[in-house]
C-alpha atoms as a PDB file:
ATOM      1  CA  MET A   1       7.532  88.867-102.393  1.00  0.00           C
ATOM      2  CA  THR A   2       6.983  86.071-104.596  1.00  0.00           C
ATOM      3  CA  LYS A   3       9.997  84.383-103.640  1.00  0.00           C
ATOM      4  CA  PRO A   4       9.898  83.885-100.228  1.00  0.00           C
ATOM      5  CA  ALA A   5       6.533  81.842-101.659  1.00  0.00           C
ATOM      6  CA  GLU A   6       8.037  79.978-104.225  1.00  0.00           C
ATOM      7  CA  GLU A   7      10.832  79.130-101.912  1.00  0.00           C
ATOM      8  CA  MET A   8       8.381  77.438 -99.495  1.00  0.00           C
ATOM      9  CA  ALA A   9       6.530  75.763-102.201  1.00  0.00           C
ATOM     10  CA  SER A  10       9.664  74.242-103.891  1.00  0.00           C
ATOM     11  CA  GLY A  11      10.589  73.463-100.297  1.00  0.00           C
ATOM     12  CA  ALA A  12       7.031  71.382 -99.466  1.00  0.00           C
ATOM     13  CA  GLN A  13       7.966  69.689-102.837  1.00  0.00           C
ATOM     14  CA  ASP A  14      11.144  68.994-101.904  1.00  0.00           C
ATOM     15  CA  GLU A  15      10.159  67.276 -98.689  1.00  0.00           C
ATOM     16  CA  SER A  16       9.924  63.502 -99.075  1.00  0.00           C
ATOM     17  CA  PRO A  17       6.974  61.796 -97.909  1.00  0.00           C
ATOM     18  CA  PRO A  18       6.817  59.782 -94.366  1.00  0.00           C
ATOM     19  CA  MET A  19       7.580  56.428 -94.487  1.00  0.00           C
ATOM     20  CA  THR A  20       5.065  54.108 -94.287  1.00  0.00           C
ATOM     21  CA  VAL A  21       4.499  50.461 -92.693  1.00  0.00           C
ATOM     22  CA  ALA A  22       3.492  50.000 -96.074  1.00  0.00           C
ATOM     23  CA  LYS A  23       7.268  51.065 -97.783  1.00  0.00           C
ATOM     24  CA  VAL A  24       8.835  49.210 -95.751  1.00  0.00           C
ATOM     25  CA  ARG A  25       7.289  45.646 -96.264  1.00  0.00           C
ATOM     26  CA  SER A  26       7.559  46.663-100.064  1.00  0.00           C
ATOM     27  CA  SER A  27      11.383  47.009 -99.917  1.00  0.00           C
ATOM     28  CA  PHE A  28      12.417  43.596 -98.959  1.00  0.00           C
ATOM     29  CA  ASN A  29      14.184  41.336-101.452  1.00  0.00           C
ATOM     30  CA  ARG A  30      12.228  38.390-101.084  1.00  0.00           C
ATOM     31  CA  THR A  31      15.140  36.085-102.917  1.00  0.00           C
ATOM     32  CA  VAL A  32      16.480  36.530 -99.248  1.00  0.00           C
ATOM     33  CA  ARG A  33      15.146  33.909 -96.416  1.00  0.00           C
ATOM     34  CA  ASN A  34      15.699  34.014 -92.979  1.00  0.00           C
ATOM     35  CA  GLU A  35      15.318  32.008 -90.013  1.00  0.00           C
ATOM     36  CA  LEU A  36      11.390  31.225 -88.646  1.00  0.00           C
ATOM     37  CA  THR A  37      12.321  33.185 -85.836  1.00  0.00           C
ATOM     38  CA  VAL A  38      12.870  36.299 -87.852  1.00  0.00           C
ATOM     39  CA  THR A  39      10.021  36.283 -90.499  1.00  0.00           C
ATOM     40  CA  TRP A  40       7.706  35.083 -87.987  1.00  0.00           C
ATOM     41  CA  PHE A  41       8.023  37.397 -85.477  1.00  0.00           C
ATOM     42  CA  GLY A  42      10.943  39.576 -85.523  1.00  0.00           C
ATOM     43  CA  ARG A  43      10.368  41.271 -89.206  1.00  0.00           C
ATOM     44  CA  PRO A  44       6.092  41.794 -88.657  1.00  0.00           C
ATOM     45  CA  LEU A  45       6.547  43.614 -85.445  1.00  0.00           C
ATOM     46  CA  ALA A  46       9.748  45.369 -86.605  1.00  0.00           C
ATOM     47  CA  ASN A  47       7.610  46.567 -89.819  1.00  0.00           C
ATOM     48  CA  LEU A  48       5.812  47.930 -87.658  1.00  0.00           C
ATOM     49  CA  ILE A  49       7.515  50.535 -85.472  1.00  0.00           C
ATOM     50  CA  THR A  50      10.233  51.240 -87.778  1.00  0.00           C
ATOM     51  CA  PRO A  51       8.122  54.380 -89.229  1.00  0.00           C
ATOM     52  CA  PHE A  52       8.453  55.731 -85.798  1.00  0.00           C
ATOM     53  CA  PHE A  53      12.223  55.704 -86.100  1.00  0.00           C
ATOM     54  CA  TYR A  54      12.966  56.049 -89.525  1.00  0.00           C
ATOM     55  CA  ASN A  55      10.871  59.568 -89.118  1.00  0.00           C
ATOM     56  CA  ARG A  56      12.348  60.604 -86.893  1.00  0.00           C
ATOM     57  CA  GLU A  57      15.654  60.615 -88.828  1.00  0.00           C
ATOM     58  CA  TRP A  58      17.365  57.603 -86.737  1.00  0.00           C
ATOM     59  CA  THR A  59      20.144  56.345 -88.472  1.00  0.00           C
ATOM     60  CA  ALA A  60      20.439  52.136 -88.049  1.00  0.00           C
ATOM     61  CA  ASN A  61      23.842  52.855 -86.357  1.00  0.00           C
ATOM     62  CA  GLN A  62      21.810  55.078 -83.612  1.00  0.00           C
ATOM     63  CA  VAL A  63      19.204  52.163 -82.765  1.00  0.00           C
ATOM     64  CA  SER A  64      22.069  49.337 -82.730  1.00  0.00           C
ATOM     65  CA  ALA A  65      23.668  51.690 -80.136  1.00  0.00           C
ATOM     66  CA  LEU A  66      20.291  51.363 -78.767  1.00  0.00           C
ATOM     67  CA  ARG A  67      19.905  47.958 -78.565  1.00  0.00           C
ATOM     68  CA  ILE A  68      22.952  47.995 -76.839  1.00  0.00           C
ATOM     69  CA  VAL A  69      22.074  50.176 -74.258  1.00  0.00           C
ATOM     70  CA  ILE A  70      18.844  48.175 -73.839  1.00  0.00           C
ATOM     71  CA  ALA A  71      20.601  44.808 -74.025  1.00  0.00           C
ATOM     72  CA  ALA A  72      22.896  45.724 -70.639  1.00  0.00           C
ATOM     73  CA  VAL A  73      20.298  46.762 -68.472  1.00  0.00           C
ATOM     74  CA  GLY A  74      18.223  43.483 -69.770  1.00  0.00           C
ATOM     75  CA  ILE A  75      21.324  41.736 -68.216  1.00  0.00           C
ATOM     76  CA  CYS A  76      21.561  43.646 -64.840  1.00  0.00           C
ATOM     77  CA  LEU A  77      17.499  43.079 -64.468  1.00  0.00           C
ATOM     78  CA  LEU A  78      18.233  39.340 -65.154  1.00  0.00           C
ATOM     79  CA  ALA A  79      21.165  39.199 -62.824  1.00  0.00           C
ATOM     80  CA  ILE A  80      18.423  40.653 -59.757  1.00  0.00           C
ATOM     81  CA  PRO A  81      16.772  37.368 -57.848  1.00  0.00           C
ATOM     82  CA  GLY A  82      12.722  37.110 -57.758  1.00  0.00           C
ATOM     83  CA  TYR A  83      10.351  36.506 -60.536  1.00  0.00           C
ATOM     84  CA  ALA A  84       9.537  39.734 -62.071  1.00  0.00           C
ATOM     85  CA  TRP A  85      13.213  40.320 -62.913  1.00  0.00           C
ATOM     86  CA  GLY A  86      13.133  37.760 -65.110  1.00  0.00           C
ATOM     87  CA  ILE A  87       9.776  38.330 -66.335  1.00  0.00           C
ATOM     88  CA  PHE A  88      11.748  42.022 -67.777  1.00  0.00           C
ATOM     89  CA  GLY A  89      15.193  40.340 -68.831  1.00  0.00           C
ATOM     90  CA  ALA A  90      12.686  38.130 -70.811  1.00  0.00           C
ATOM     91  CA  VAL A  91      10.905  40.892 -72.574  1.00  0.00           C
ATOM     92  CA  ILE A  92      14.263  42.913 -72.913  1.00  0.00           C
ATOM     93  CA  PHE A  93      15.805  40.560 -75.001  1.00  0.00           C
ATOM     94  CA  TYR A  94      12.613  40.173 -77.655  1.00  0.00           C
ATOM     95  CA  THR A  95      12.674  43.882 -77.542  1.00  0.00           C
ATOM     96  CA  VAL A  96      16.583  44.214 -78.269  1.00  0.00           C
ATOM     97  CA  PHE A  97      15.541  41.344 -80.999  1.00  0.00           C
ATOM     98  CA  VAL A  98      12.773  43.485 -82.733  1.00  0.00           C
ATOM     99  CA  LEU A  99      15.179  46.204 -83.358  1.00  0.00           C
ATOM    100  CA  ASP A 100      17.727  44.084 -84.642  1.00  0.00           C
ATOM    101  CA  CYS A 101      15.068  43.797 -87.483  1.00  0.00           C
ATOM    102  CA  VAL A 102      14.305  47.545 -87.430  1.00  0.00           C
ATOM    103  CA  ASP A 103      17.719  48.439 -87.410  1.00  0.00           C
ATOM    104  CA  GLY A 104      18.307  46.347 -90.900  1.00  0.00           C
ATOM    105  CA  ASN A 105      15.158  47.915 -92.030  1.00  0.00           C
ATOM    106  CA  ILE A 106      16.602  51.515 -91.727  1.00  0.00           C
ATOM    107  CA  ALA A 107      19.935  50.514 -93.525  1.00  0.00           C
ATOM    108  CA  ARG A 108      18.522  48.668 -96.119  1.00  0.00           C
ATOM    109  CA  LEU A 109      15.534  52.071 -96.667  1.00  0.00           C
ATOM    110  CA  ARG A 110      18.862  55.123 -96.276  1.00  0.00           C
ATOM    111  CA  ASN A 111      20.741  52.808 -98.185  1.00  0.00           C
ATOM    112  CA  GLN A 112      23.277  52.948 -94.758  1.00  0.00           C
ATOM    113  CA  VAL A 113      24.994  49.725 -94.910  1.00  0.00           C
ATOM    114  CA  SER A 114      28.450  50.427 -93.662  1.00  0.00           C
ATOM    115  CA  PHE A 115      31.195  48.121 -92.140  1.00  0.00           C
ATOM    116  CA  TYR A 116      31.050  50.482 -88.974  1.00  0.00           C
ATOM    117  CA  GLY A 117      27.131  49.101 -89.056  1.00  0.00           C
ATOM    118  CA  LYS A 118      27.737  45.883 -89.858  1.00  0.00           C
ATOM    119  CA  PHE A 119      30.195  45.506 -86.654  1.00  0.00           C
ATOM    120  CA  ILE A 120      27.944  47.551 -84.316  1.00  0.00           C
ATOM    121  CA  ASP A 121      25.232  45.203 -84.849  1.00  0.00           C
ATOM    122  CA  GLY A 122      27.471  42.284 -84.666  1.00  0.00           C
ATOM    123  CA  LEU A 123      27.999  43.522 -81.160  1.00  0.00           C
ATOM    124  CA  ALA A 124      24.624  44.447 -80.536  1.00  0.00           C
ATOM    125  CA  ASP A 125      24.025  40.714 -81.253  1.00  0.00           C
ATOM    126  CA  PHE A 126      25.464  38.437 -79.005  1.00  0.00           C
ATOM    127  CA  ILE A 127      25.345  41.292 -75.369  1.00  0.00           C
ATOM    128  CA  PHE A 128      22.029  39.420 -74.260  1.00  0.00           C
ATOM    129  CA  VAL A 129      22.300  36.228 -75.439  1.00  0.00           C
ATOM    130  CA  LEU A 130      26.428  35.570 -74.054  1.00  0.00           C
ATOM    131  CA  ALA A 131      26.044  37.374 -70.746  1.00  0.00           C
ATOM    132  CA  ALA A 132      22.514  36.270 -69.841  1.00  0.00           C
ATOM    133  CA  PRO A 133      22.891  33.315 -68.860  1.00  0.00           C
ATOM    134  CA  THR A 134      25.979  34.309 -66.305  1.00  0.00           C
ATOM    135  CA  ALA A 135      23.247  37.308 -65.090  1.00  0.00           C
ATOM    136  CA  ALA A 136      20.789  34.405 -64.246  1.00  0.00           C
ATOM    137  CA  GLY A 137      22.798  31.970 -62.994  1.00  0.00           C
ATOM    138  CA  ILE A 138      23.800  34.821 -60.334  1.00  0.00           C
ATOM    139  CA  ALA A 139      20.335  35.653 -59.533  1.00  0.00           C
ATOM    140  CA  LEU A 140      19.856  32.032 -58.655  1.00  0.00           C
ATOM    141  CA  TRP A 141      23.164  32.345 -56.627  1.00  0.00           C
ATOM    142  CA  LEU A 142      22.123  35.763 -55.159  1.00  0.00           C
ATOM    143  CA  GLN A 143      19.063  33.821 -53.938  1.00  0.00           C
ATOM    144  CA  ASP A 144      19.311  30.483 -53.014  1.00  0.00           C
ATOM    145  CA  ALA A 145      22.757  29.753 -53.058  1.00  0.00           C
ATOM    146  CA  GLN A 146      22.503  27.350 -56.133  1.00  0.00           C
ATOM    147  CA  SER A 147      25.914  27.493 -57.199  1.00  0.00           C
ATOM    148  CA  PRO A 148      25.412  24.451 -60.493  1.00  0.00           C
ATOM    149  CA  PHE A 149      23.596  27.090 -62.339  1.00  0.00           C
ATOM    150  CA  LEU A 150      25.736  29.678 -61.525  1.00  0.00           C
ATOM    151  CA  ILE A 151      28.098  27.131 -62.715  1.00  0.00           C
ATOM    152  CA  ILE A 152      26.044  26.208 -65.933  1.00  0.00           C
ATOM    153  CA  GLY A 153      25.919  29.721 -66.715  1.00  0.00           C
ATOM    154  CA  ALA A 154      29.265  30.677 -66.603  1.00  0.00           C
ATOM    155  CA  LEU A 155      30.159  27.777 -69.014  1.00  0.00           C
ATOM    156  CA  CYS A 156      27.835  28.663 -71.134  1.00  0.00           C
ATOM    157  CA  THR A 157      28.802  32.343 -71.678  1.00  0.00           C
ATOM    158  CA  ILE A 158      32.878  31.571 -71.280  1.00  0.00           C
ATOM    159  CA  VAL A 159      32.056  28.429 -74.414  1.00  0.00           C
ATOM    160  CA  SER A 160      29.982  30.877 -76.349  1.00  0.00           C
ATOM    161  CA  THR A 161      32.314  33.551 -76.201  1.00  0.00           C
ATOM    162  CA  THR A 162      35.407  31.846 -77.687  1.00  0.00           C
ATOM    163  CA  SER A 163      33.200  29.706 -80.324  1.00  0.00           C
ATOM    164  CA  GLN A 164      32.441  33.370 -81.633  1.00  0.00           C
ATOM    165  CA  MET A 165      35.623  34.494 -81.221  1.00  0.00           C
ATOM    166  CA  VAL A 166      37.551  30.918 -82.818  1.00  0.00           C
ATOM    167  CA  ARG A 167      34.978  31.937 -86.215  1.00  0.00           C
ATOM    168  CA  SER A 168      35.544  35.877 -86.096  1.00  0.00           C
ATOM    169  CA  ARG A 169      39.458  34.446 -86.392  1.00  0.00           C
ATOM    170  CA  LEU A 170      38.982  31.520 -88.931  1.00  0.00           C
ATOM    171  CA  SER A 171      37.328  34.630 -91.270  1.00  0.00           C
ATOM    172  CA  PHE A 172      39.927  36.606 -90.632  1.00  0.00           C
ATOM    173  CA  THR A 173      42.361  34.484 -91.307  1.00  0.00           C
ATOM    174  CA  ARG A 174      40.269  32.869 -94.660  1.00  0.00           C
ATOM    175  CA  GLU A 175      40.593  36.155 -95.926  1.00  0.00           C
ATOM    176  CA  TRP A 176      44.319  37.393 -95.034  1.00  0.00           C
ATOM    177  CA  MET A 177      45.291  34.071 -96.764  1.00  0.00           C
ATOM    178  CA  VAL A 178      43.428  34.712-100.157  1.00  0.00           C
ATOM    179  CA  ASN A 179      44.470  37.661-100.854  1.00  0.00           C
ATOM    180  CA  GLN A 180      47.814  36.507-100.053  1.00  0.00           C
ATOM    181  CA  SER A 181      47.592  33.399-102.036  1.00  0.00           C
ATOM    182  CA  GLY A 182      44.547  33.824-103.532  1.00  0.00           C
ATOM    183  CA  PRO A 183      41.412  31.721-103.747  1.00  0.00           C
ATOM    184  CA  ILE A 184      41.160  28.472-101.932  1.00  0.00           C
ATOM    185  CA  GLU A 185      41.591  25.644-103.929  1.00  0.00           C
ATOM    186  CA  GLU A 186      38.465  23.586-104.934  1.00  0.00           C
ATOM    187  CA  ALA A 187      39.302  20.001-103.212  1.00  0.00           C
ATOM    188  CA  LYS A 188      39.797  21.347 -99.999  1.00  0.00           C
ATOM    189  CA  ILE A 189      36.763  24.080 -99.834  1.00  0.00           C
ATOM    190  CA  ASP A 190      35.170  20.107-101.144  1.00  0.00           C
ATOM    191  CA  ARG A 191      36.918  18.437 -97.747  1.00  0.00           C
ATOM    192  CA  ALA A 192      35.184  21.313 -95.431  1.00  0.00           C
ATOM    193  CA  GLN A 193      31.542  20.974 -97.045  1.00  0.00           C
ATOM    194  CA  LYS A 194      30.808  17.898 -94.261  1.00  0.00           C
ATOM    195  CA  VAL A 195      31.651  19.604 -91.648  1.00  0.00           C
ATOM    196  CA  ARG A 196      30.170  23.301 -92.824  1.00  0.00           C
ATOM    197  CA  ASN A 197      26.775  20.754 -93.026  1.00  0.00           C
ATOM    198  CA  VAL A 198      27.378  20.488 -89.300  1.00  0.00           C
ATOM    199  CA  GLN A 199      27.890  23.957 -88.391  1.00  0.00           C
ATOM    200  CA  ARG A 200      24.599  25.116 -90.396  1.00  0.00           C
ATOM    201  CA  VAL A 201      22.641  22.613 -88.436  1.00  0.00           C
ATOM    202  CA  VAL A 202      24.326  23.244 -84.750  1.00  0.00           C
ATOM    203  CA  ALA A 203      23.738  26.967 -85.914  1.00  0.00           C
ATOM    204  CA  SER A 204      20.077  26.451 -86.649  1.00  0.00           C
ATOM    205  CA  ILE A 205      19.327  24.499 -83.065  1.00  0.00           C
ATOM    206  CA  TYR A 206      21.750  27.744 -81.354  1.00  0.00           C
ATOM    207  CA  VAL A 207      19.768  30.349 -83.487  1.00  0.00           C
ATOM    208  CA  ASN A 208      16.565  29.351 -82.415  1.00  0.00           C
ATOM    209  CA  GLY A 209      16.955  27.599 -79.518  1.00  0.00           C
ATOM    210  CA  THR A 210      18.356  30.655 -77.817  1.00  0.00           C
ATOM    211  CA  PHE A 211      15.372  32.648 -79.386  1.00  0.00           C
ATOM    212  CA  PHE A 212      12.649  30.043 -77.927  1.00  0.00           C
ATOM    213  CA  ALA A 213      14.384  29.434 -74.066  1.00  0.00           C
ATOM    214  CA  PRO A 214      13.756  33.479 -72.377  1.00  0.00           C
ATOM    215  CA  LEU A 215      10.438  32.297 -72.561  1.00  0.00           C
ATOM    216  CA  LEU A 216      11.003  30.027 -70.035  1.00  0.00           C
ATOM    217  CA  LEU A 217      11.609  32.862 -67.616  1.00  0.00           C
ATOM    218  CA  VAL A 218       7.946  33.992 -66.856  1.00  0.00           C
ATOM    219  CA  ILE A 219       7.378  30.350 -65.747  1.00  0.00           C
ATOM    220  CA  PRO A 220       6.590  31.131 -61.328  1.00  0.00           C
ATOM    221  CA  ASP A 221       8.831  29.345 -59.341  1.00  0.00           C
ATOM    222  CA  GLY A 222      11.842  28.253 -60.735  1.00  0.00           C
ATOM    223  CA  GLY A 223      11.570  30.519 -64.489  1.00  0.00           C
ATOM    224  CA  ARG A 224      15.612  30.677 -64.130  1.00  0.00           C
ATOM    225  CA  VAL A 225      15.924  26.754 -63.416  1.00  0.00           C
ATOM    226  CA  TRP A 226      14.180  26.196 -67.055  1.00  0.00           C
ATOM    227  CA  TYR A 227      15.726  28.711 -68.794  1.00  0.00           C
ATOM    228  CA  LEU A 228      19.317  27.461 -67.638  1.00  0.00           C
ATOM    229  CA  THR A 229      18.689  24.009 -68.045  1.00  0.00           C
ATOM    230  CA  SER A 230      17.360  24.363 -71.342  1.00  0.00           C
ATOM    231  CA  LEU A 231      20.883  26.816 -72.540  1.00  0.00           C
ATOM    232  CA  VAL A 232      22.855  23.864 -72.197  1.00  0.00           C
ATOM    233  CA  PHE A 233      20.674  21.869 -74.799  1.00  0.00           C
ATOM    234  CA  VAL A 234      20.389  24.943 -77.091  1.00  0.00           C
ATOM    235  CA  GLN A 235      23.471  26.724 -76.208  1.00  0.00           C
ATOM    236  CA  LEU A 236      26.367  24.902 -74.634  1.00  0.00           C
ATOM    237  CA  ILE A 237      26.081  21.605 -76.162  1.00  0.00           C
ATOM    238  CA  PRO A 238      25.602  23.023 -79.970  1.00  0.00           C
ATOM    239  CA  GLU A 239      28.259  25.811 -79.437  1.00  0.00           C
ATOM    240  CA  LEU A 240      30.882  22.780 -78.488  1.00  0.00           C
ATOM    241  CA  ILE A 241      30.122  20.901 -81.083  1.00  0.00           C
ATOM    242  CA  TRP A 242      30.079  24.087 -83.653  1.00  0.00           C
ATOM    243  CA  LEU A 243      33.630  25.124 -82.014  1.00  0.00           C
ATOM    244  CA  ALA A 244      35.374  22.093 -82.477  1.00  0.00           C
ATOM    245  CA  ALA A 245      33.781  21.850 -86.469  1.00  0.00           C
ATOM    246  CA  ILE A 246      35.209  25.602 -87.131  1.00  0.00           C
ATOM    247  CA  ILE A 247      38.768  24.092 -85.520  1.00  0.00           C
ATOM    248  CA  PHE A 248      38.118  20.951 -87.856  1.00  0.00           C
ATOM    249  CA  GLU A 249      37.624  23.400 -90.554  1.00  0.00           C
ATOM    250  CA  ALA A 250      40.894  25.562 -90.160  1.00  0.00           C
END
């Protein structure tokens, strides 16, 4: 008669207490430095909603998959002419940004960091940033036949995608070469240092610029125009410089 009660008591003791915002905040490695957009926007909001997902047994990969779906919806909405759809697109971008910090929190709290997790997380990171310029250009073309902005949007997407591809290729090739012939010589690393400094500067412009650019979508009567114009300076030109620097380093 007492065994079920004992088992219930044991089960109650084995149940872990629910995740709280305080526990999420205390789990951070304070020595790791993040972009200001993550430190002051993404992470504070993510800390508030991480317990919701964690306590419902969501995994980091499931949150990443959710980000992919939401980002795809945002791209479709951004391609629809109309002021309201542009605002929805901007809201979705920042939602995906915050969820990026959420899946990082869950991966750390559950110790679920994996190669596949890194892959799907990176994939989710770039869907909106790479496709949104073309989507915004399509909306302007459908609305007012503004082909120059469609071209600008397409160029941003093409150049950014190419730059991402070349960066990945360099990373894979470097890893393969190191496995084949050992560590890279210090002299060669020193030769690449200056060009890597250039990459860091343009990466900062790109990351922070593409974060703030969607705010321009809320401007009435021309939000997408302002958005695409800003991307020329914070995405297209920096990505071209980054691409050239990567090829030079390679």
